[in-house]
Structures are given as C-alpha cells and as structure tokens.
C-alpha cells in the first residue's frame, strides 16, 4: 500500500511537474490545470493560474478567486480530475511508474484535512487514489 504521495511516491502528486493541456492551454502541473478549470474560460483567471511559478501558488491564487468559480464546478470536478490524470499518465515515463505500482492500494494520505481527494487521520474518500487505481487498471488491461 502506498499511503502518501510524497517522498519516493511524490510523482503521484498533482504538484509533480508534468505538462498537461486543458481546454487549449498547457499547464506545468495537474494542480495548475485543475485549479484553472474551476473558472470560466473567458475570465482571465485561468491564464493567471497557468502563469504561477509553483503549484502551491496556483492553488492559493485560485482560492483567492473562490467567489468567481464556475457555478457547475462541483458537478464537474471528478470528471476534470480524471481527464487531467489521464493526460499526465499518458506520458510514457509516468505511465510506466504508475504501472510499476502493481496492484498496491494508492492512498493520498495528507495532513491538510483533505478528506475528499485523500485521507486525513484515517478519514476520507480518497477520490484521487481511486482515480489513479482506475486509470492503472485500464492501462494494465
């Protein structure tokens, strides 16, 4: 079982450098693209997030614009994340690393209370880990 996307498994993190495209723009990480996808394409916010020097700054900038988020974001977030993860793990090196995890359970353990995408203090739905395991299963087939 992989219980955190850090250390030797940091490449599983959305903060890992892996260029992905979302709706015509290329982003440095899945985190950049995911944060940008929360906003309407014509808002200018996506470009500002794309240009952030780090994924952490991209996330903080997105949170600062929370009041301008697309109204359908909550309904789309799982599909957006799945599409971005598929793009990341279509890259040959990362695809091979994901496949090398075999049938291990992937748990995005964290300390920042994210119980939707991961697990914190034993609680959470681990949607990020579940999506990664689904993609790995499909790549194996």
Protein backbone atom coordinates (compact mmCIF):
# COMPACT_ATOMS: atom_id res chain seq x y z
CA UNK A 1 0.00 0.00 0.00
CA UNK A 2 1.20 3.48 -0.85
CA UNK A 3 -0.12 5.76 1.88
CA UNK A 4 1.13 9.18 0.77
CA UNK A 5 2.08 10.87 -2.48
CA UNK A 6 5.36 12.17 -1.10
CA UNK A 7 8.96 11.00 -0.85
CA UNK A 8 9.63 8.23 -3.35
CA UNK A 9 5.98 8.42 -4.47
CA UNK A 10 5.87 12.19 -4.95
CA UNK A 11 5.39 11.65 -8.69
CA UNK A 12 1.79 10.59 -7.88
CA UNK A 13 1.09 14.09 -6.54
CA UNK A 14 -0.74 16.66 -8.62
CA UNK A 15 2.14 19.01 -7.76
CA UNK A 16 4.61 16.84 -9.75
CA UNK A 17 5.94 18.62 -12.88
CA UNK A 18 4.11 17.08 -15.84
CA UNK A 19 2.78 19.28 -18.60
CA UNK A 20 -0.91 18.73 -19.31
CA UNK A 21 -3.33 20.50 -21.59
CA UNK A 22 -6.78 21.68 -20.56
CA UNK A 23 -9.14 23.37 -22.99
CA UNK A 24 -6.42 24.82 -25.19
CA UNK A 25 -3.90 25.88 -22.54
CA UNK A 26 -0.83 23.97 -21.39
CA UNK A 27 -0.12 23.85 -17.66
CA UNK A 28 3.05 22.90 -15.77
CA UNK A 29 1.25 20.50 -13.42
CA UNK A 30 -2.11 18.81 -12.92
CA UNK A 31 -2.61 21.13 -9.94
CA UNK A 32 -2.25 24.25 -12.11
CA UNK A 33 -4.74 22.87 -14.65
CA UNK A 34 -7.21 21.63 -12.04
CA UNK A 35 -7.25 24.96 -10.23
CA UNK A 36 -7.70 26.83 -13.53
CA UNK A 37 -10.57 24.54 -14.58
CA UNK A 38 -12.63 25.89 -11.68
CA UNK A 39 -13.15 29.16 -13.57
CA UNK A 40 -14.87 30.25 -16.76
CA UNK A 41 -12.57 30.19 -19.81
CA UNK A 42 -13.18 33.87 -20.55
CA UNK A 43 -12.46 35.14 -17.04
CA UNK A 44 -8.69 35.64 -17.44
CA UNK A 45 -8.18 33.72 -14.21
CA UNK A 46 -7.10 30.54 -16.00
CA UNK A 47 -4.16 32.34 -17.60
CA UNK A 48 -3.14 33.91 -14.29
CA UNK A 49 -3.17 30.49 -12.63
CA UNK A 50 -1.28 28.92 -15.53
CA UNK A 51 1.46 31.54 -15.13
CA UNK A 52 2.02 30.90 -11.41
CA UNK A 53 5.59 29.74 -10.74
CA UNK A 54 4.56 26.86 -8.44
CA UNK A 55 1.50 24.63 -8.00
CA UNK A 56 1.12 25.88 -4.43
CA UNK A 57 0.88 29.47 -5.65
CA UNK A 58 -1.61 28.36 -8.33
CA UNK A 59 -3.78 26.79 -5.64
CA UNK A 60 -3.60 29.86 -3.40
CA UNK A 61 -4.46 32.16 -6.31
CA UNK A 62 -7.47 30.02 -7.22
CA UNK A 63 -8.69 30.14 -3.62
CA UNK A 64 -8.41 33.94 -3.68
CA UNK A 65 -10.93 33.97 -6.56
CA UNK A 66 -13.35 31.48 -4.97
CA UNK A 67 -16.26 33.88 -5.43
CA UNK A 68 -15.74 33.79 -9.23
CA UNK A 69 -15.75 30.00 -9.59
CA UNK A 70 -17.93 28.43 -12.29
CA UNK A 71 -21.32 27.52 -10.82
CA UNK A 72 -21.07 23.95 -12.16
CA UNK A 73 -17.57 23.29 -10.76
CA UNK A 74 -18.73 20.92 -8.00
CA UNK A 75 -20.58 18.80 -10.57
CA UNK A 76 -17.56 18.67 -12.91
CA UNK A 77 -14.63 18.29 -10.53
CA UNK A 78 -14.30 14.49 -10.62
CA UNK A 79 -14.52 14.38 -14.42
CA UNK A 80 -11.99 17.22 -14.73
CA UNK A 81 -9.54 15.49 -12.39
CA UNK A 82 -9.93 12.20 -14.22
CA UNK A 83 -9.21 13.84 -17.58
CA UNK A 84 -6.14 15.62 -16.21
CA UNK A 85 -4.80 12.45 -14.59
CA UNK A 86 -5.31 10.57 -17.86
CA UNK A 87 -3.25 13.24 -19.63
CA UNK A 88 -0.49 13.07 -17.01
CA UNK A 89 -0.26 9.29 -17.02
CA UNK A 90 -0.36 9.09 -20.80
CA UNK A 91 3.22 10.42 -20.62
CA UNK A 92 5.40 7.30 -21.11
CA UNK A 93 7.67 7.66 -18.06
CA UNK A 94 4.82 8.40 -15.68
CA UNK A 95 2.64 5.70 -17.21
CA UNK A 96 5.43 3.17 -16.55
CA UNK A 97 5.83 4.38 -12.96
CA UNK A 98 2.08 4.05 -12.34
CA UNK A 99 2.09 0.54 -13.80
CA UNK A 100 5.08 -0.36 -11.60
CA UNK A 101 2.86 0.07 -8.52
CA UNK A 102 1.18 -3.21 -9.48
CA UNK A 103 -1.98 -3.79 -7.51
CA UNK A 104 -0.98 -1.71 -4.48
CA UNK A 105 -3.70 0.44 -2.98
CA UNK A 106 -2.94 4.12 -3.63
CA UNK A 107 -3.99 6.42 -0.78
CA UNK A 108 -3.45 10.17 -0.93
CA UNK A 109 -2.70 10.48 2.76
CA UNK A 110 -2.40 14.08 3.92
CA UNK A 111 -2.22 16.36 6.93
CA UNK A 112 -4.19 19.29 5.47
CA UNK A 113 -7.66 17.85 6.13
CA UNK A 114 -8.48 16.92 2.52
CA UNK A 115 -10.94 14.12 3.04
CA UNK A 116 -12.44 14.35 -0.46
CA UNK A 117 -9.35 13.75 -2.61
CA UNK A 118 -7.44 11.90 0.10
CA UNK A 119 -7.41 10.59 3.64
CA UNK A 120 -6.51 12.57 6.75
CA UNK A 121 -6.26 10.94 10.19
CA UNK A 122 -7.92 7.79 8.88
CA UNK A 123 -10.92 9.56 7.35
CA UNK A 124 -11.64 10.34 3.73
CA UNK A 125 -12.99 9.13 0.41
CA UNK A 126 -9.60 9.08 -1.37
CA UNK A 127 -11.03 10.07 -4.76
CA UNK A 128 -7.56 10.90 -6.10
CA UNK A 129 -6.19 7.48 -5.19
CA UNK A 130 -9.29 5.76 -6.56
CA UNK A 131 -8.99 7.58 -9.89
CA UNK A 132 -5.32 6.64 -10.14
CA UNK A 133 -6.10 2.98 -9.43
CA UNK A 134 -8.87 3.03 -12.06
CA UNK A 135 -6.52 4.52 -14.66
CA UNK A 136 -3.80 1.99 -13.73
CA UNK A 137 -6.28 -0.87 -14.14
CA UNK A 138 -7.30 0.37 -17.59
CA UNK A 139 -3.65 0.80 -18.64
CA UNK A 140 -2.92 -2.77 -17.50
CA UNK A 141 -5.80 -4.24 -19.50
